[in-house]
Protein backbone atom coordinates (compact mmCIF):
# COMPACT_ATOMS: atom_id res chain seq x y z
CA MET A 1 -7.45 -6.95 5.29
CA ASN A 2 -6.27 -8.58 8.52
CA GLN A 3 -8.07 -11.58 9.99
CA GLN A 4 -9.96 -9.69 12.69
CA LEU A 5 -11.32 -7.13 10.22
CA ALA A 6 -12.29 -9.93 7.83
CA VAL A 7 -14.22 -11.70 10.61
CA GLU A 8 -16.03 -8.49 11.55
CA ARG A 9 -16.91 -7.79 7.94
CA HIS A 10 -18.23 -11.33 7.51
CA LEU A 11 -20.32 -10.99 10.67
CA ASP A 12 -21.64 -7.55 9.75
CA LEU A 13 -23.08 -8.85 6.46
CA GLY A 14 -24.49 -12.05 7.96
CA LEU A 15 -23.33 -15.60 8.53
CA LYS A 16 -23.82 -18.06 5.69
CA ASP A 17 -25.17 -21.62 5.54
CA LEU A 18 -28.42 -20.44 7.11
CA TRP A 19 -32.01 -19.85 6.10
CA TYR A 20 -33.19 -16.25 6.49
CA PRO A 21 -36.69 -14.80 6.07
CA VAL A 22 -36.31 -12.07 3.46
CA VAL A 23 -39.80 -10.70 2.75
CA ALA A 24 -43.42 -11.37 3.63
CA SER A 25 -45.22 -13.59 1.12
CA TRP A 26 -47.62 -10.82 0.12
CA GLU A 27 -44.71 -8.69 -1.14
CA VAL A 28 -44.02 -10.99 -4.11
CA GLY A 29 -46.77 -11.06 -6.71
CA ASN A 30 -46.69 -11.21 -10.49
CA SER A 31 -43.96 -8.62 -11.07
CA PRO A 32 -40.29 -9.25 -10.26
CA VAL A 33 -39.20 -7.78 -6.93
CA GLY A 34 -35.67 -6.58 -6.19
CA ILE A 35 -34.29 -6.77 -2.65
CA THR A 36 -30.94 -6.59 -0.87
CA ARG A 37 -30.21 -9.12 1.86
CA LEU A 38 -26.83 -9.98 3.42
CA GLY A 39 -25.43 -7.33 1.09
CA GLU A 40 -26.52 -9.34 -1.98
CA ASN A 41 -28.88 -8.02 -4.67
CA ILE A 42 -31.63 -10.57 -5.35
CA VAL A 43 -34.65 -10.74 -7.65
CA LEU A 44 -37.77 -12.67 -6.60
CA TRP A 45 -40.76 -13.66 -8.75
CA ARG A 46 -43.53 -16.24 -8.85
CA ASP A 47 -43.95 -18.75 -11.67
CA ALA A 48 -47.27 -19.86 -13.17
CA GLU A 49 -47.88 -22.22 -10.21
CA GLY A 50 -47.15 -19.50 -7.67
CA LYS A 51 -43.77 -20.90 -6.65
CA VAL A 52 -41.18 -18.26 -5.73
CA ASN A 53 -37.87 -18.14 -7.61
CA ALA A 54 -34.80 -16.24 -6.38
CA LEU A 55 -31.81 -15.20 -8.46
CA GLU A 56 -28.87 -12.87 -8.32
CA ASP A 57 -30.35 -9.56 -9.51
CA ARG A 58 -27.98 -9.00 -12.43
CA CYS A 59 -28.42 -9.67 -16.10
CA PRO A 60 -25.40 -11.71 -17.30
CA HIS A 61 -25.26 -9.61 -20.48
CA ARG A 62 -24.59 -6.07 -19.27
CA GLY A 63 -25.47 -6.14 -15.56
CA ALA A 64 -28.91 -4.51 -15.65
CA ARG A 65 -31.24 -5.31 -12.76
CA LEU A 66 -33.48 -8.22 -13.68
CA SER A 67 -35.98 -6.94 -11.12
CA LEU A 68 -36.76 -4.14 -13.61
CA GLY A 69 -37.76 -6.69 -16.23
CA TRP A 70 -40.70 -9.03 -16.92
CA ASN A 71 -42.01 -12.19 -15.31
CA LEU A 72 -42.33 -14.87 -18.00
CA GLY A 73 -43.35 -17.63 -15.58
CA ASP A 74 -40.43 -20.02 -15.31
CA ARG A 75 -38.00 -17.22 -16.23
CA VAL A 76 -37.45 -13.49 -15.92
CA ALA A 77 -36.59 -11.26 -18.90
CA CYS A 78 -34.21 -8.31 -18.74
CA TRP A 79 -35.73 -4.95 -19.64
CA TYR A 80 -32.50 -3.79 -21.28
CA HIS A 81 -32.08 -6.35 -24.10
CA GLY A 82 -34.65 -9.06 -23.33
CA VAL A 83 -32.23 -11.75 -22.11
CA GLU A 84 -34.29 -14.50 -20.43
CA VAL A 85 -32.96 -16.32 -17.36
CA LYS A 86 -34.65 -19.28 -15.67
CA GLY A 87 -35.02 -19.80 -11.94
CA ASP A 88 -31.96 -22.04 -11.81
CA GLY A 89 -29.73 -19.26 -13.22
CA VAL A 90 -29.48 -20.77 -16.70
CA VAL A 91 -29.93 -18.41 -19.68
CA ALA A 92 -32.94 -19.71 -21.60
CA GLU A 93 -32.90 -17.35 -24.55
CA VAL A 94 -31.16 -14.30 -25.99
CA PRO A 95 -33.83 -13.04 -28.40
CA ALA A 96 -31.67 -10.28 -29.93
CA VAL A 97 -29.21 -12.71 -31.50
CA SER A 98 -29.21 -16.29 -32.77
CA ALA A 99 -26.82 -18.97 -31.48
CA CYS A 100 -25.63 -16.82 -28.56
CA PRO A 101 -22.99 -18.63 -26.44
CA MET A 102 -24.79 -17.51 -23.28
CA THR A 103 -27.83 -19.62 -24.12
CA GLY A 104 -27.92 -22.77 -22.02
CA SER A 105 -25.18 -21.58 -19.66
CA LYS A 106 -25.66 -21.17 -15.93
CA CYS A 107 -24.61 -17.55 -15.49
CA LEU A 108 -26.26 -16.49 -12.25
CA ARG A 109 -26.52 -17.70 -8.69
CA SER A 110 -29.90 -19.09 -7.69
CA TYR A 111 -31.14 -19.32 -4.10
CA PRO A 112 -33.14 -22.21 -2.61
CA VAL A 113 -36.54 -20.98 -1.44
CA ILE A 114 -38.97 -22.09 1.25
CA GLU A 115 -42.27 -20.27 1.71
CA LYS A 116 -44.11 -20.84 4.97
CA HIS A 117 -45.93 -18.99 7.73
CA GLY A 118 -46.48 -15.98 5.52
CA ALA A 119 -42.79 -15.39 4.76
CA ILE A 120 -40.27 -16.28 2.08
CA PHE A 121 -37.04 -17.86 3.37
CA LEU A 122 -33.85 -18.04 1.30
CA TRP A 123 -30.82 -20.25 1.87
CA PHE A 124 -27.55 -18.30 1.79
CA GLY A 125 -25.07 -21.11 1.28
CA LEU A 126 -21.34 -20.68 1.65
CA ASP A 127 -21.10 -22.94 -1.40
CA PRO A 128 -23.85 -21.82 -3.81
CA ASP A 129 -24.06 -25.31 -5.31
CA ALA A 130 -24.33 -27.28 -2.05
CA GLU A 131 -27.64 -28.65 -0.78
CA PRO A 132 -29.29 -26.53 1.93
CA ALA A 133 -29.91 -27.77 5.45
CA ASP A 134 -33.42 -28.58 6.67
CA LEU A 135 -35.33 -25.66 8.16
CA VAL A 136 -36.73 -26.63 11.55
CA LEU A 137 -38.83 -23.95 13.25
CA PRO A 138 -40.20 -23.76 16.82
CA GLU A 139 -43.57 -25.35 17.56
CA GLN A 140 -45.18 -21.91 17.88
CA LEU A 141 -44.91 -21.70 14.09
CA ASP A 142 -45.08 -25.32 12.93
CA SER A 143 -47.79 -26.73 15.23
CA GLU A 144 -51.49 -26.46 14.35
CA GLU A 145 -52.17 -25.89 18.05
CA TRP A 146 -50.81 -22.36 17.73
CA SER A 147 -52.01 -19.28 15.90
CA SER A 148 -49.58 -16.53 14.91
CA PHE A 149 -49.20 -13.20 13.13
CA LEU A 150 -46.10 -12.06 11.25
CA CYS A 151 -44.75 -8.59 11.94
CA GLN A 152 -41.76 -7.15 10.09
CA ALA A 153 -39.93 -3.82 10.28
CA ASP A 154 -36.89 -2.18 8.72
CA TRP A 155 -34.34 -0.71 11.14
CA ALA A 156 -31.34 1.49 10.32
CA VAL A 157 -28.95 -0.55 12.44
CA ASN A 158 -26.70 -3.56 11.95
CA TYR A 159 -28.55 -6.82 12.63
CA ARG A 160 -26.11 -7.80 15.40
CA TYR A 161 -27.47 -5.01 17.59
CA ALA A 162 -31.01 -6.24 16.97
CA VAL A 163 -29.97 -9.74 18.08
CA ASP A 164 -28.22 -8.34 21.17
CA ASN A 165 -31.41 -6.46 22.07
CA VAL A 166 -33.52 -9.63 22.18
CA MET A 167 -30.77 -11.53 24.04
CA ASP A 168 -31.14 -8.97 26.88
CA PRO A 169 -34.24 -9.78 28.99
CA MET A 170 -33.35 -7.10 31.56
CA HIS A 171 -34.17 -4.23 29.23
CA GLY A 172 -37.88 -5.09 29.34
CA SER A 173 -38.19 -3.75 32.90
CA TYR A 174 -36.76 -0.40 31.84
CA LEU A 175 -37.26 0.37 28.14
CA HIS A 176 -40.73 -1.24 28.05
CA CYS A 177 -41.82 -0.46 31.63
CA THR A 178 -44.91 1.46 30.48
CA SER A 179 -46.14 -1.25 28.12
CA HIS A 180 -49.32 -3.26 28.61
CA SER A 181 -47.38 -6.47 29.30
CA MET A 182 -44.00 -5.57 30.84
CA ALA A 183 -44.81 -3.17 33.67
CA GLU A 184 -44.39 -5.78 36.44
CA GLY A 185 -41.45 -7.50 38.09
CA ASP A 186 -38.12 -6.65 39.71
CA LYS A 187 -35.75 -4.17 38.16
CA SER A 188 -32.72 -6.18 39.25
CA ALA A 189 -31.99 -9.87 38.83
CA ASP A 190 -29.32 -12.52 38.70
CA MET A 191 -29.05 -14.18 35.31
CA ARG A 192 -28.04 -17.65 34.14
CA ALA A 193 -27.72 -19.63 30.91
CA ARG A 194 -28.77 -23.25 30.35
CA ASN A 195 -28.52 -25.45 27.29
CA THR A 196 -31.47 -26.52 25.14
CA GLU A 197 -31.88 -28.91 22.20
CA HIS A 198 -31.01 -26.27 19.61
CA GLY A 199 -29.11 -23.67 21.62
CA PHE A 200 -29.50 -22.12 25.05
CA ILE A 201 -31.84 -20.14 27.28
CA PHE A 202 -30.73 -16.99 29.08
CA GLU A 203 -33.01 -16.22 32.02
CA LYS A 204 -33.59 -14.40 35.26
CA THR A 205 -33.28 -16.56 38.35
CA GLY A 206 -36.18 -16.43 40.79
CA GLN A 207 -38.58 -14.67 38.42
CA THR A 208 -40.53 -16.40 35.67
CA GLY A 209 -43.84 -15.49 34.07
CA VAL A 210 -43.83 -11.91 35.31
CA ASN A 211 -42.09 -9.88 32.62
CA PHE A 212 -39.76 -10.56 29.67
CA ASP A 213 -37.89 -12.98 31.97
CA TRP A 214 -36.04 -15.25 29.53
CA VAL A 215 -35.01 -15.67 25.92
CA GLU A 216 -33.93 -18.71 23.91
CA PHE A 217 -31.45 -18.76 21.05
CA GLY A 218 -31.90 -21.62 18.63
CA SER A 219 -29.96 -22.87 15.61
CA SER A 220 -31.86 -25.36 13.46
CA GLY A 221 -31.14 -24.45 9.87
CA ALA A 222 -31.77 -20.81 10.82
CA PHE A 223 -30.84 -18.67 13.81
CA TRP A 224 -33.99 -17.78 15.74
CA LEU A 225 -34.90 -16.23 19.07
CA ARG A 226 -37.90 -17.19 21.18
CA LEU A 227 -39.45 -15.70 24.31
CA SER A 228 -42.76 -15.48 26.13
CA ILE A 229 -44.47 -12.64 27.96
CA PRO A 230 -47.32 -13.10 30.48
CA TYR A 231 -50.68 -11.74 29.44
CA ARG A 232 -53.47 -10.51 31.65
CA ARG A 233 -56.84 -12.22 31.37
CA GLN A 234 -58.48 -9.24 29.61
CA PHE A 235 -56.18 -9.71 26.62
CA GLY A 236 -58.03 -12.81 25.48
CA PRO A 237 -57.57 -16.59 25.51
CA GLY A 238 -54.38 -18.54 25.04
CA GLY A 239 -52.22 -17.93 28.09
CA GLU A 240 -48.74 -16.51 27.60
CA PHE A 241 -47.91 -14.50 24.50
CA TRP A 242 -44.98 -15.92 22.53
CA ILE A 243 -42.61 -14.29 20.07
CA VAL A 244 -40.36 -16.08 17.57
CA GLY A 245 -37.95 -13.60 16.01
CA PHE A 246 -35.33 -13.34 13.25
CA ALA A 247 -32.97 -10.51 12.33
CA THR A 248 -32.06 -10.57 8.63
CA PRO A 249 -29.19 -8.32 7.50
CA VAL A 250 -29.97 -6.02 4.59
CA ASP A 251 -26.45 -4.61 4.51
CA GLU A 252 -23.95 -3.67 7.21
CA HIS A 253 -26.10 -0.70 8.34
CA HIS A 254 -29.68 -1.94 7.90
CA THR A 255 -31.78 -4.86 9.15
CA ARG A 256 -35.20 -6.29 8.52
CA VAL A 257 -36.61 -7.85 11.69
CA PHE A 258 -39.28 -10.55 11.57
CA PHE A 259 -41.40 -11.39 14.61
CA TRP A 260 -44.10 -14.03 14.69
CA ARG A 261 -46.46 -13.29 17.59
CA ALA A 262 -48.24 -16.44 18.74
CA ARG A 263 -50.64 -17.90 21.28
CA LYS A 264 -51.73 -21.47 21.85
CA VAL A 265 -55.38 -21.33 20.83
CA SER A 266 -57.83 -23.40 18.79
CA GLY A 267 -61.50 -23.43 17.85
CA TRP A 268 -63.56 -20.40 18.84
CA GLN A 269 -60.73 -19.16 21.05
CA ARG A 270 -58.50 -18.85 17.98
CA ASP A 271 -61.10 -16.61 16.34
CA VAL A 272 -61.43 -14.46 19.47
CA TRP A 273 -57.67 -14.10 19.82
CA ARG A 274 -57.18 -13.15 16.17
CA PHE A 275 -60.02 -10.60 16.28
CA LEU A 276 -58.69 -9.08 19.50
CA TYR A 277 -55.14 -8.93 18.11
CA ARG A 278 -56.11 -7.15 14.89
CA ASN A 279 -58.45 -4.69 16.60
CA HIS A 280 -56.54 -3.84 19.77
CA LEU A 281 -53.33 -5.66 20.63
CA GLU A 282 -51.41 -5.14 17.40
CA LYS A 283 -51.05 -1.39 17.98
CA LEU A 284 -49.76 -2.02 21.51
CA HIS A 285 -47.16 -4.43 20.17
CA TRP A 286 -46.05 -1.96 17.51
CA ASP A 287 -45.56 0.64 20.27
CA VAL A 288 -43.16 -1.74 22.06
CA LEU A 289 -41.27 -2.52 18.87
CA GLU A 290 -40.92 1.17 18.14
CA GLN A 291 -39.20 1.66 21.51
CA ASP A 292 -36.62 -0.94 20.47
CA ARG A 293 -36.10 0.72 17.10
CA VAL A 294 -35.57 4.18 18.58
CA ILE A 295 -33.03 3.05 21.18
CA LEU A 296 -31.04 0.93 18.69
CA GLU A 297 -30.96 3.48 15.88
CA GLN A 298 -29.69 6.11 18.34
CA LEU A 299 -26.84 4.04 19.81
CA ALA A 300 -23.48 5.79 19.95
CA PRO A 301 -21.34 5.31 16.82
CA ASN A 302 -19.47 1.98 16.93
CA ALA A 303 -21.16 1.29 20.26
CA ARG A 304 -19.91 -2.28 20.45
CA ASP A 305 -16.29 -1.07 20.49
CA HIS A 306 -16.84 0.97 23.68
CA GLU A 307 -18.99 -1.29 25.85
CA PHE A 308 -18.56 -2.10 29.54
CA LEU A 309 -20.51 -5.35 29.87
CA TYR A 310 -21.67 -6.87 33.15
CA GLN A 311 -23.46 -9.97 34.45
CA HIS A 312 -26.75 -9.28 32.66
CA ASP A 313 -24.85 -9.44 29.36
CA VAL A 314 -23.64 -13.03 29.70
CA GLY A 315 -26.25 -14.26 27.20
CA LEU A 316 -25.38 -11.87 24.41
CA SER A 317 -21.65 -12.40 25.08
CA ARG A 318 -22.08 -16.15 24.71
CA LEU A 319 -23.96 -15.73 21.43
CA ARG A 320 -21.36 -13.28 20.13
CA ARG A 321 -18.62 -15.83 20.77
CA LEU A 322 -20.59 -18.52 18.96
CA MET A 323 -21.17 -16.26 15.97
CA LYS A 324 -17.54 -15.17 15.85
CA LYS A 325 -16.34 -18.77 15.92
CA THR A 326 -18.75 -19.63 13.10
CA ALA A 327 -17.49 -16.67 11.06
CA GLU A 328 -13.88 -17.79 11.52
CA GLN A 329 -14.77 -21.32 10.39
CA GLN A 330 -16.63 -20.05 7.33
CA LEU A 331 -13.78 -17.78 6.29
CA ALA A 332 -11.38 -20.71 6.63
CA GLN A 333 -13.64 -22.83 4.39
CA LEU A 334 -13.76 -20.06 1.79
CA ALA A 335 -9.97 -19.69 1.85
CA ALA A 336 -9.49 -23.46 1.48
CA ARG A 337 -11.87 -23.60 -1.47
CA GLN A 338 -10.14 -20.68 -3.14
CA GLU A 339 -6.78 -22.35 -2.63
CA ALA A 340 -8.09 -25.58 -4.17
CA GLU A 341 -9.48 -23.70 -7.18
CA ASN A 342 -6.17 -21.89 -7.70
CA HIS A 343 -4.33 -25.19 -7.84
CA GLY A 344 -7.02 -27.01 -9.81
């Protein structure tokens, strides 16, 4: 495989050394759950204290899916032959045989886990044994002054197209022009990019607070996207409506998108906003998200290879360059580590 194809393959399956949301918290209960993220098969389960564990979903004995087995608290047991593996990837017991050499050996990759804001985040490290970075999220999620709801959806499209979609504020005036919140504003604009603490903002010049007029890319242990949309007074307290989004690769052809929808509300206004959201606004927001899904899933085959980009695409082009450079650096690190191991 030549270098360019290797970079594209690495990008298509997701950059490493990042935290990614992988499922909503409610999806992991007492039974093991099998998922695929970044092309990797993973089993999740909760121990007796409710803490989530994440392991490579493969029994070290014969390769059966551990997600088909049993939750034994601090370990999961394979359905096939009962092999028990702890959350750190170490085989705790092989009940079918005494003095098995697998017992006590670390045979599987484990994934660091953070659970917050109703989602389970995993760290996909380039080096599985290295310590993960801190996960720093925008104030719309981490501040008590805000109230948010998590929305997630599965799309049959590579995650890079989902990221491009959010990095394109201009599409709101067209694709979402009949929505309850994006029917206003000019249908043409000059665009510019400006740096922020964790990344950059891509925005329309001369129009703010009218439509989907800007988007921010941030890198702070995870790659996230943030934007705000003006809300009319009848849609409840809290001012502008904010979205913090993530696109998590499932494999090279599928993505799970996560959007936290937030407003700055407290006290009785928080209760009003949450009631109004659940009983009215949520359906409207799903309608908008469905428009994005339909357009992305129906893109021409290999659409990125046949684009004619223009000035409105400066933001997504800048992010693509950043991601490509990161992929090249990560592949170089992997090659260097492999070289060191071969000569070790």
